[in-house]
Amino acid sequence: VAPTTPVCEVPSSAMTGTVVELSCKETEGSPPSEYQWYKNGVPLLEKTGTGSARAANITYTMNKKSGTLLFNTVTRNDTGEYYCEASNGIGLSQKCSVKRMQV
């Protein structure tokens, strides 16, 4: 079953230095969807722990299975327009509407 449009939860504002979690979920897809977050239209990298993530100055953890995007300490650089995409290899992938987070 192809995924339906996911529901994204993105806070409209966040204080610098706080922990912020963005979530993305859809329940119709079978097999379960994987989720990819985008910021300003650019796909966010998954932290792999090879050191490349640190070099890219990644301050978040993206979980493709659960759809969460977790910022341990948000900075002003994390301000932007976020959306996520659900895909499970069947049918078209589905995106939620873009939401702006102001830090």
PDB file of N, CA and C in Angstrom:
ATOM      1  N   VAL A   1       0.854  -1.189   0.000  1.00  0.00           N
ATOM      2  CA  VAL A   1       0.000   0.000   0.000  1.00  0.00           C
ATOM      3  C   VAL A   1       0.894   1.245   0.000  1.00  0.00           C
ATOM      4  N   ALA A   2       0.612   2.167  -0.889  1.00  0.00           N
ATOM      5  CA  ALA A   2       1.404   3.390  -0.957  1.00  0.00           C
ATOM      6  C   ALA A   2       1.147   4.252   0.271  1.00  0.00           C
ATOM      7  N   PRO A   3       2.142   5.038   0.672  1.00  0.00           N
ATOM      8  CA  PRO A   3       1.945   5.900   1.846  1.00  0.00           C
ATOM      9  C   PRO A   3       0.942   7.013   1.576  1.00  0.00           C
ATOM     10  N   THR A   4       0.294   7.468   2.650  1.00  0.00           N
ATOM     11  CA  THR A   4      -0.559   8.652   2.556  1.00  0.00           C
ATOM     12  C   THR A   4       0.292   9.865   2.915  1.00  0.00           C
ATOM     13  N   THR A   5      -0.279  11.048   2.781  1.00  0.00           N
ATOM     14  CA  THR A   5       0.448  12.267   3.139  1.00  0.00           C
ATOM     15  C   THR A   5       0.774  12.240   4.620  1.00  0.00           C
ATOM     16  N   PRO A   6       2.061  12.351   4.983  1.00  0.00           N
ATOM     17  CA  PRO A   6       2.412  12.289   6.408  1.00  0.00           C
ATOM     18  C   PRO A   6       1.993  13.540   7.160  1.00  0.00           C
ATOM     19  N   VAL A   7       1.825  13.383   8.450  1.00  0.00           N
ATOM     20  CA  VAL A   7       1.531  14.513   9.336  1.00  0.00           C
ATOM     21  C   VAL A   7       2.857  14.954   9.950  1.00  0.00           C
ATOM     22  N   CYS A   8       3.222  16.211   9.730  1.00  0.00           N
ATOM     23  CA  CYS A   8       4.483  16.729  10.267  1.00  0.00           C
ATOM     24  C   CYS A   8       4.205  17.658  11.429  1.00  0.00           C
ATOM     25  N   GLU A   9       4.997  17.526  12.460  1.00  0.00           N
ATOM     26  CA  GLU A   9       4.918  18.461  13.572  1.00  0.00           C
ATOM     27  C   GLU A   9       6.232  19.202  13.671  1.00  0.00           C
ATOM     28  N   VAL A  10       6.172  20.489  13.379  1.00  0.00           N
ATOM     29  CA  VAL A  10       7.346  21.354  13.401  1.00  0.00           C
ATOM     30  C   VAL A  10       7.010  22.560  14.266  1.00  0.00           C
ATOM     31  N   PRO A  11       7.766  22.800  15.340  1.00  0.00           N
ATOM     32  CA  PRO A  11       7.472  23.986  16.157  1.00  0.00           C
ATOM     33  C   PRO A  11       7.735  25.250  15.343  1.00  0.00           C
ATOM     34  N   SER A  12       6.869  26.245  15.501  1.00  0.00           N
ATOM     35  CA  SER A  12       7.053  27.470  14.718  1.00  0.00           C
ATOM     36  C   SER A  12       8.201  28.300  15.268  1.00  0.00           C
ATOM     37  N   SER A  13       8.478  28.142  16.563  1.00  0.00           N
ATOM     38  CA  SER A  13       9.617  28.865  17.129  1.00  0.00           C
ATOM     39  C   SER A  13      10.277  28.019  18.204  1.00  0.00           C
ATOM     40  N   ALA A  14      11.566  28.244  18.395  1.00  0.00           N
ATOM     41  CA  ALA A  14      12.329  27.501  19.396  1.00  0.00           C
ATOM     42  C   ALA A  14      13.412  28.416  19.951  1.00  0.00           C
ATOM     43  N   MET A  15      13.766  28.199  21.205  1.00  0.00           N
ATOM     44  CA  MET A  15      14.842  28.972  21.829  1.00  0.00           C
ATOM     45  C   MET A  15      16.182  28.318  21.512  1.00  0.00           C
ATOM     46  N   THR A  16      17.192  29.149  21.227  1.00  0.00           N
ATOM     47  CA  THR A  16      18.507  28.586  20.978  1.00  0.00           C
ATOM     48  C   THR A  16      18.976  27.803  22.205  1.00  0.00           C
ATOM     49  N   GLY A  17      19.668  26.695  21.940  1.00  0.00           N
ATOM     50  CA  GLY A  17      20.206  25.896  23.026  1.00  0.00           C
ATOM     51  C   GLY A  17      19.248  24.887  23.623  1.00  0.00           C
ATOM     52  N   THR A  18      17.989  24.877  23.151  1.00  0.00           N
ATOM     53  CA  THR A  18      17.030  23.918  23.690  1.00  0.00           C
ATOM     54  C   THR A  18      16.978  22.664  22.817  1.00  0.00           C
ATOM     55  N   VAL A  19      16.366  21.635  23.360  1.00  0.00           N
ATOM     56  CA  VAL A  19      16.161  20.393  22.613  1.00  0.00           C
ATOM     57  C   VAL A  19      14.846  20.522  21.849  1.00  0.00           C
ATOM     58  N   VAL A  20      14.878  20.249  20.545  1.00  0.00           N
ATOM     59  CA  VAL A  20      13.676  20.366  19.728  1.00  0.00           C
ATOM     60  C   VAL A  20      13.509  19.083  18.919  1.00  0.00           C
ATOM     61  N   GLU A  21      12.291  18.541  18.932  1.00  0.00           N
ATOM     62  CA  GLU A  21      12.025  17.343  18.134  1.00  0.00           C
ATOM     63  C   GLU A  21      10.935  17.625  17.119  1.00  0.00           C
ATOM     64  N   LEU A  22      11.233  17.315  15.859  1.00  0.00           N
ATOM     65  CA  LEU A  22      10.254  17.410  14.786  1.00  0.00           C
ATOM     66  C   LEU A  22       9.809  15.983  14.493  1.00  0.00           C
ATOM     67  N   SER A  23       8.526  15.800  14.226  1.00  0.00           N
ATOM     68  CA  SER A  23       8.060  14.446  13.964  1.00  0.00           C
ATOM     69  C   SER A  23       7.272  14.374  12.675  1.00  0.00           C
ATOM     70  N   CYS A  24       7.264  13.188  12.097  1.00  0.00           N
ATOM     71  CA  CYS A  24       6.625  12.939  10.812  1.00  0.00           C
ATOM     72  C   CYS A  24       6.058  11.529  10.866  1.00  0.00           C
ATOM     73  N   LYS A  25       4.790  11.382  10.510  1.00  0.00           N
ATOM     74  CA  LYS A  25       4.168  10.066  10.635  1.00  0.00           C
ATOM     75  C   LYS A  25       3.061   9.878   9.615  1.00  0.00           C
ATOM     76  N   GLU A  26       3.032   8.712   9.011  1.00  0.00           N
ATOM     77  CA  GLU A  26       1.853   8.312   8.236  1.00  0.00           C
ATOM     78  C   GLU A  26       1.604   6.844   8.545  1.00  0.00           C
ATOM     79  N   THR A  27       0.338   6.450   8.520  1.00  0.00           N
ATOM     80  CA  THR A  27      -0.015   5.130   9.047  1.00  0.00           C
ATOM     81  C   THR A  27      -0.579   4.164   8.015  1.00  0.00           C
ATOM     82  N   GLU A  28      -0.814   4.635   6.797  1.00  0.00           N
ATOM     83  CA  GLU A  28      -1.462   3.768   5.811  1.00  0.00           C
ATOM     84  C   GLU A  28      -0.471   2.871   5.063  1.00  0.00           C
ATOM     85  N   GLY A  29       0.747   3.342   4.899  1.00  0.00           N
ATOM     86  CA  GLY A  29       1.715   2.641   4.063  1.00  0.00           C
ATOM     87  C   GLY A  29       2.039   1.250   4.574  1.00  0.00           C
ATOM     88  N   SER A  30       2.118   0.294   3.640  1.00  0.00           N
ATOM     89  CA  SER A  30       2.529  -1.060   3.986  1.00  0.00           C
ATOM     90  C   SER A  30       3.354  -1.598   2.827  1.00  0.00           C
ATOM     91  N   PRO A  31       4.623  -1.943   3.040  1.00  0.00           N
ATOM     92  CA  PRO A  31       5.363  -1.929   4.305  1.00  0.00           C
ATOM     93  C   PRO A  31       5.486  -0.518   4.892  1.00  0.00           C
ATOM     94  N   PRO A  32       5.847  -0.430   6.204  1.00  0.00           N
ATOM     95  CA  PRO A  32       5.953   0.888   6.845  1.00  0.00           C
ATOM     96  C   PRO A  32       6.897   1.816   6.080  1.00  0.00           C
ATOM     97  N   SER A  33       6.542   3.086   6.053  1.00  0.00           N
ATOM     98  CA  SER A  33       7.332   4.068   5.315  1.00  0.00           C
ATOM     99  C   SER A  33       8.642   4.392   6.023  1.00  0.00           C
ATOM    100  N   GLU A  34       9.591   4.849   5.215  1.00  0.00           N
ATOM    101  CA  GLU A  34      10.784   5.493   5.753  1.00  0.00           C
ATOM    102  C   GLU A  34      10.604   6.979   5.501  1.00  0.00           C
ATOM    103  N   TYR A  35      11.192   7.787   6.376  1.00  0.00           N
ATOM    104  CA  TYR A  35      10.975   9.232   6.326  1.00  0.00           C
ATOM    105  C   TYR A  35      12.276   9.964   6.056  1.00  0.00           C
ATOM    106  N   GLN A  36      12.190  10.960   5.190  1.00  0.00           N
ATOM    107  CA  GLN A  36      13.346  11.802   4.888  1.00  0.00           C
ATOM    108  C   GLN A  36      12.948  13.243   5.152  1.00  0.00           C
ATOM    109  N   TRP A  37      13.736  13.921   5.986  1.00  0.00           N
ATOM    110  CA  TRP A  37      13.474  15.336   6.273  1.00  0.00           C
ATOM    111  C   TRP A  37      14.237  16.226   5.305  1.00  0.00           C
ATOM    112  N   TYR A  38      13.646  17.354   4.982  1.00  0.00           N
ATOM    113  CA  TYR A  38      14.262  18.358   4.119  1.00  0.00           C
ATOM    114  C   TYR A  38      14.259  19.693   4.842  1.00  0.00           C
ATOM    115  N   LYS A  39      15.322  20.442   4.630  1.00  0.00           N
ATOM    116  CA  LYS A  39      15.388  21.812   5.142  1.00  0.00           C
ATOM    117  C   LYS A  39      15.649  22.735   3.963  1.00  0.00           C
ATOM    118  N   ASN A  40      14.752  23.687   3.761  1.00  0.00           N
ATOM    119  CA  ASN A  40      14.854  24.628   2.636  1.00  0.00           C
ATOM    120  C   ASN A  40      15.006  23.875   1.311  1.00  0.00           C
ATOM    121  N   GLY A  41      14.298  22.735   1.211  1.00  0.00           N
ATOM    122  CA  GLY A  41      14.303  21.971  -0.035  1.00  0.00           C
ATOM    123  C   GLY A  41      15.475  21.026  -0.205  1.00  0.00           C
ATOM    124  N   VAL A  42      16.402  21.005   0.752  1.00  0.00           N
ATOM    125  CA  VAL A  42      17.589  20.152   0.644  1.00  0.00           C
ATOM    126  C   VAL A  42      17.454  18.966   1.595  1.00  0.00           C
ATOM    127  N   PRO A  43      17.660  17.732   1.097  1.00  0.00           N
ATOM    128  CA  PRO A  43      17.539  16.579   1.998  1.00  0.00           C
ATOM    129  C   PRO A  43      18.586  16.620   3.107  1.00  0.00           C
ATOM    130  N   LEU A  44      18.154  16.365   4.333  1.00  0.00           N
ATOM    131  CA  LEU A  44      19.090  16.352   5.455  1.00  0.00           C
ATOM    132  C   LEU A  44      19.835  15.021   5.484  1.00  0.00           C
ATOM    133  N   LEU A  45      21.076  15.078   5.879  1.00  0.00           N
ATOM    134  CA  LEU A  45      21.910  13.880   5.941  1.00  0.00           C
ATOM    135  C   LEU A  45      21.614  13.097   7.204  1.00  0.00           C
ATOM    136  N   GLU A  46      21.694  11.784   7.073  1.00  0.00           N
ATOM    137  CA  GLU A  46      21.549  10.945   8.253  1.00  0.00           C
ATOM    138  C   GLU A  46      22.921  10.842   8.900  1.00  0.00           C
ATOM    139  N   LYS A  47      22.961  10.986  10.199  1.00  0.00           N
ATOM    140  CA  LYS A  47      24.235  10.922  10.916  1.00  0.00           C
ATOM    141  C   LYS A  47      24.701   9.468  10.937  1.00  0.00           C
ATOM    142  N   THR A  48      25.852   9.207  10.369  1.00  0.00           N
ATOM    143  CA  THR A  48      26.307   7.817  10.266  1.00  0.00           C
ATOM    144  C   THR A  48      27.378   7.485  11.289  1.00  0.00           C
ATOM    145  N   GLY A  49      27.983   8.511  11.892  1.00  0.00           N
ATOM    146  CA  GLY A  49      28.992   8.255  12.909  1.00  0.00           C
ATOM    147  C   GLY A  49      30.368   8.013  12.335  1.00  0.00           C
ATOM    148  N   THR A  50      30.563   8.324  11.046  1.00  0.00           N
ATOM    149  CA  THR A  50      31.866   8.114  10.430  1.00  0.00           C
ATOM    150  C   THR A  50      32.760   9.338  10.571  1.00  0.00           C
ATOM    151  N   GLY A  51      32.235  10.402  11.173  1.00  0.00           N
ATOM    152  CA  GLY A  51      33.021  11.621  11.302  1.00  0.00           C
ATOM    153  C   GLY A  51      32.635  12.646  10.259  1.00  0.00           C
ATOM    154  N   SER A  52      32.053  12.180   9.155  1.00  0.00           N
ATOM    155  CA  SER A  52      31.631  13.121   8.114  1.00  0.00           C
ATOM    156  C   SER A  52      30.520  14.022   8.639  1.00  0.00           C
ATOM    157  N   ALA A  53      29.698  13.464   9.526  1.00  0.00           N
ATOM    158  CA  ALA A  53      28.602  14.256  10.088  1.00  0.00           C
ATOM    159  C   ALA A  53      29.162  15.401  10.920  1.00  0.00           C
ATOM    160  N   ARG A  54      30.199  15.114  11.692  1.00  0.00           N
ATOM    161  CA  ARG A  54      30.802  16.183  12.503  1.00  0.00           C
ATOM    162  C   ARG A  54      31.416  17.247  11.606  1.00  0.00           C
ATOM    163  N   ALA A  55      32.037  16.804  10.533  1.00  0.00           N
ATOM    164  CA  ALA A  55      32.662  17.754   9.610  1.00  0.00           C
ATOM    165  C   ALA A  55      31.600  18.661   8.998  1.00  0.00           C
ATOM    166  N   ALA A  56      30.425  18.095   8.742  1.00  0.00           N
ATOM    167  CA  ALA A  56      29.347  18.877   8.146  1.00  0.00           C
ATOM    168  C   ALA A  56      28.620  19.696   9.201  1.00  0.00           C
ATOM    169  N   ASN A  57      29.088  19.615  10.463  1.00  0.00           N
ATOM    170  CA  ASN A  57      28.532  20.417  11.543  1.00  0.00           C
ATOM    171  C   ASN A  57      27.066  20.072  11.796  1.00  0.00           C
ATOM    172  N   ILE A  58      26.761  18.780  11.788  1.00  0.00           N
ATOM    173  CA  ILE A  58      25.387  18.339  11.981  1.00  0.00           C
ATOM    174  C   ILE A  58      25.049  18.351  13.469  1.00  0.00           C
ATOM    175  N   THR A  59      23.955  19.015  13.780  1.00  0.00           N
ATOM    176  CA  THR A  59      23.566  19.165  15.191  1.00  0.00           C
ATOM    177  C   THR A  59      22.284  18.392  15.495  1.00  0.00           C
ATOM    178  N   TYR A  60      21.909  17.493  14.596  1.00  0.00           N
ATOM    179  CA  TYR A  60      20.639  16.795  14.768  1.00  0.00           C
ATOM    180  C   TYR A  60      20.815  15.295  14.569  1.00  0.00           C
ATOM    181  N   THR A  61      19.798  14.545  14.955  1.00  0.00           N
ATOM    182  CA  THR A  61      19.738  13.118  14.685  1.00  0.00           C
ATOM    183  C   THR A  61      18.445  12.853  13.930  1.00  0.00           C
ATOM    184  N   MET A  62      18.568  12.270  12.747  1.00  0.00           N
ATOM    185  CA  MET A  62      17.377  11.948  11.956  1.00  0.00           C
ATOM    186  C   MET A  62      17.167  10.443  11.982  1.00  0.00           C
ATOM    187  N   ASN A  63      15.965  10.036  12.362  1.00  0.00           N
ATOM    188  CA  ASN A  63      15.635   8.618  12.391  1.00  0.00           C
ATOM    189  C   ASN A  63      14.653   8.347  11.256  1.00  0.00           C
ATOM    190  N   LYS A  64      15.136   7.666  10.213  1.00  0.00           N
ATOM    191  CA  LYS A  64      14.296   7.441   9.032  1.00  0.00           C
ATOM    192  C   LYS A  64      13.146   6.484   9.306  1.00  0.00           C
ATOM    193  N   LYS A  65      13.315   5.628  10.295  1.00  0.00           N
ATOM    194  CA  LYS A  65      12.260   4.653  10.606  1.00  0.00           C
ATOM    195  C   LYS A  65      11.115   5.288  11.396  1.00  0.00           C
ATOM    196  N   SER A  66      11.465   6.097  12.401  1.00  0.00           N
ATOM    197  CA  SER A  66      10.417   6.681  13.248  1.00  0.00           C
ATOM    198  C   SER A  66       9.952   8.039  12.727  1.00  0.00           C
ATOM    199  N   GLY A  67      10.738   8.655  11.855  1.00  0.00           N
ATOM    200  CA  GLY A  67      10.353   9.943  11.297  1.00  0.00           C
ATOM    201  C   GLY A  67      10.694  11.134  12.172  1.00  0.00           C
ATOM    202  N   THR A  68      11.492  10.898  13.234  1.00  0.00           N
ATOM    203  CA  THR A  68      11.827  12.026  14.101  1.00  0.00           C
ATOM    204  C   THR A  68      13.106  12.711  13.638  1.00  0.00           C
ATOM    205  N   LEU A  69      13.138  14.003  13.861  1.00  0.00           N
ATOM    206  CA  LEU A  69      14.326  14.812  13.628  1.00  0.00           C
ATOM    207  C   LEU A  69      14.575  15.529  14.945  1.00  0.00           C
ATOM    208  N   LEU A  70      15.668  15.157  15.604  1.00  0.00           N
ATOM    209  CA  LEU A  70      15.927  15.648  16.956  1.00  0.00           C
ATOM    210  C   LEU A  70      17.145  16.566  16.961  1.00  0.00           C
ATOM    211  N   PHE A  71      16.942  17.796  17.429  1.00  0.00           N
ATOM    212  CA  PHE A  71      18.046  18.738  17.614  1.00  0.00           C
ATOM    213  C   PHE A  71      18.407  18.740  19.094  1.00  0.00           C
ATOM    214  N   ASN A  72      19.656  18.373  19.411  1.00  0.00           N
ATOM    215  CA  ASN A  72      20.071  18.371  20.815  1.00  0.00           C
ATOM    216  C   ASN A  72      20.173  19.788  21.355  1.00  0.00           C
ATOM    217  N   THR A  73      20.745  20.673  20.568  1.00  0.00           N
ATOM    218  CA  THR A  73      20.775  22.091  20.925  1.00  0.00           C
ATOM    219  C   THR A  73      20.585  22.873  19.625  1.00  0.00           C
ATOM    220  N   VAL A  74      19.438  23.472  19.472  1.00  0.00           N
ATOM    221  CA  VAL A  74      19.195  24.223  18.234  1.00  0.00           C
ATOM    222  C   VAL A  74      19.992  25.524  18.242  1.00  0.00           C
ATOM    223  N   THR A  75      20.402  25.937  17.065  1.00  0.00           N
ATOM    224  CA  THR A  75      21.090  27.219  16.900  1.00  0.00           C
ATOM    225  C   THR A  75      20.310  28.052  15.880  1.00  0.00           C
ATOM    226  N   ARG A  76      20.708  29.291  15.761  1.00  0.00           N
ATOM    227  CA  ARG A  76      20.041  30.154  14.775  1.00  0.00           C
ATOM    228  C   ARG A  76      20.165  29.572  13.370  1.00  0.00           C
ATOM    229  N   ASN A  77      21.256  28.825  13.139  1.00  0.00           N
ATOM    230  CA  ASN A  77      21.464  28.224  11.818  1.00  0.00           C
ATOM    231  C   ASN A  77      20.384  27.204  11.470  1.00  0.00           C
ATOM    232  N   ASP A  78      19.678  26.714  12.493  1.00  0.00           N
ATOM    233  CA  ASP A  78      18.640  25.711  12.242  1.00  0.00           C
ATOM    234  C   ASP A  78      17.304  26.334  11.824  1.00  0.00           C
ATOM    235  N   THR A  79      17.226  27.665  11.832  1.00  0.00           N
ATOM    236  CA  THR A  79      16.029  28.337  11.327  1.00  0.00           C
ATOM    237  C   THR A  79      15.864  27.984   9.857  1.00  0.00           C
ATOM    238  N   GLY A  80      14.647  27.677   9.459  1.00  0.00           N
ATOM    239  CA  GLY A  80      14.427  27.375   8.048  1.00  0.00           C
ATOM    240  C   GLY A  80      13.079  26.736   7.829  1.00  0.00           C
ATOM    241  N   GLU A  81      12.863  26.298   6.600  1.00  0.00           N
ATOM    242  CA  GLU A  81      11.596  25.685   6.235  1.00  0.00           C
ATOM    243  C   GLU A  81      11.799  24.183   6.123  1.00  0.00           C
ATOM    244  N   TYR A  82      11.038  23.451   6.910  1.00  0.00           N
ATOM    245  CA  TYR A  82      11.190  22.008   7.004  1.00  0.00           C
ATOM    246  C   TYR A  82       9.962  21.272   6.470  1.00  0.00           C
ATOM    247  N   TYR A  83      10.224  20.146   5.818  1.00  0.00           N
ATOM    248  CA  TYR A  83       9.124  19.227   5.509  1.00  0.00           C
ATOM    249  C   TYR A  83       9.706  17.825   5.436  1.00  0.00           C
ATOM    250  N   CYS A  84       8.854  16.842   5.489  1.00  0.00           N
ATOM    251  CA  CYS A  84       9.348  15.487   5.386  1.00  0.00           C
ATOM    252  C   CYS A  84       8.595  14.726   4.312  1.00  0.00           C
ATOM    253  N   GLU A  85       9.216  13.655   3.866  1.00  0.00           N
ATOM    254  CA  GLU A  85       8.693  12.841   2.781  1.00  0.00           C
ATOM    255  C   GLU A  85       8.636  11.396   3.255  1.00  0.00           C
ATOM    256  N   ALA A  86       7.503  10.741   3.030  1.00  0.00           N
ATOM    257  CA  ALA A  86       7.345   9.334   3.400  1.00  0.00           C
ATOM    258  C   ALA A  86       7.383   8.490   2.133  1.00  0.00           C
ATOM    259  N   SER A  87       8.158   7.415   2.168  1.00  0.00           N
ATOM    260  CA  SER A  87       8.196   6.519   1.011  1.00  0.00           C
ATOM    261  C   SER A  87       8.414   5.087   1.480  1.00  0.00           C
ATOM    262  N   ASN A  88       7.788   4.152   0.777  1.00  0.00           N
ATOM    263  CA  ASN A  88       7.987   2.746   1.116  1.00  0.00           C
ATOM    264  C   ASN A  88       8.229   1.889  -0.124  1.00  0.00           C
ATOM    265  N   GLY A  89       8.561   2.552  -1.229  1.00  0.00           N
ATOM    266  CA  GLY A  89       8.863   1.816  -2.449  1.00  0.00           C
ATOM    267  C   GLY A  89       7.634   1.474  -3.271  1.00  0.00           C
ATOM    268  N   ILE A  90       6.452   1.823  -2.774  1.00  0.00           N
ATOM    269  CA  ILE A  90       5.211   1.538  -3.493  1.00  0.00           C
ATOM    270  C   ILE A  90       4.514   2.858  -3.795  1.00  0.00           C
ATOM    271  N   GLY A  91       4.160   3.056  -5.044  1.00  0.00           N
ATOM    272  CA  GLY A  91       3.468   4.288  -5.399  1.00  0.00           C
ATOM    273  C   GLY A  91       4.397   5.488  -5.252  1.00  0.00           C
ATOM    274  N   LEU A  92       3.805   6.665  -5.244  1.00  0.00           N
ATOM    275  CA  LEU A  92       4.591   7.889  -5.123  1.00  0.00           C
ATOM    276  C   LEU A  92       4.887   8.190  -3.662  1.00  0.00           C
ATOM    277  N   SER A  93       6.059   8.772  -3.422  1.00  0.00           N
ATOM    278  CA  SER A  93       6.341   9.229  -2.062  1.00  0.00           C
ATOM    279  C   SER A  93       5.454  10.440  -1.783  1.00  0.00           C
ATOM    280  N   GLN A  94       5.158  10.667  -0.523  1.00  0.00           N
ATOM    281  CA  GLN A  94       4.252  11.740  -0.124  1.00  0.00           C
ATOM    282  C   GLN A  94       4.971  12.722   0.786  1.00  0.00           C
ATOM    283  N   LYS A  95       4.714  14.013   0.562  1.00  0.00           N
ATOM    284  CA  LYS A  95       5.333  15.057   1.388  1.00  0.00           C
ATOM    285  C   LYS A  95       4.267  15.757   2.222  1.00  0.00           C
ATOM    286  N   CYS A  96       4.680  16.222   3.393  1.00  0.00           N
ATOM    287  CA  CYS A  96       3.770  17.076   4.156  1.00  0.00           C
ATOM    288  C   CYS A  96       4.038  18.521   3.743  1.00  0.00           C
ATOM    289  N   SER A  97       3.178  19.418   4.173  1.00  0.00           N
ATOM    290  CA  SER A  97       3.356  20.817   3.801  1.00  0.00           C
ATOM    291  C   SER A  97       4.565  21.394   4.538  1.00  0.00           C
ATOM    292  N   VAL A  98       5.189  22.364   3.912  1.00  0.00           N
ATOM    293  CA  VAL A  98       6.394  22.999   4.462  1.00  0.00           C
ATOM    294  C   VAL A  98       6.012  23.839   5.670  1.00  0.00           C
ATOM    295  N   LYS A  99       6.798  23.722   6.740  1.00  0.00           N
ATOM    296  CA  LYS A  99       6.557  24.541   7.939  1.00  0.00           C
ATOM    297  C   LYS A  99       7.858  25.230   8.323  1.00  0.00           C
ATOM    298  N   ARG A 100       7.743  26.489   8.704  1.00  0.00           N
ATOM    299  CA  ARG A 100       8.925  27.253   9.061  1.00  0.00           C
ATOM    300  C   ARG A 100       9.183  27.183  10.567  1.00  0.00           C
ATOM    301  N   MET A 101      10.439  26.927  10.903  1.00  0.00           N
ATOM    302  CA  MET A 101      10.847  26.961  12.307  1.00  0.00           C
ATOM    303  C   MET A 101      11.808  28.130  12.489  1.00  0.00           C
ATOM    304  N   GLN A 102      11.448  29.008  13.399  1.00  0.00           N
ATOM    305  CA  GLN A 102      12.268  30.190  13.697  1.00  0.00           C
ATOM    306  C   GLN A 102      12.972  29.956  15.029  1.00  0.00           C
ATOM    307  N   VAL A 103      14.299  30.012  14.995  1.00  0.00           N
ATOM    308  CA  VAL A 103      15.067  29.819  16.238  1.00  0.00           C
ATOM    309  C   VAL A 103      15.544  31.161  16.741  1.00  0.00           C
TER     310      VAL A 103
END
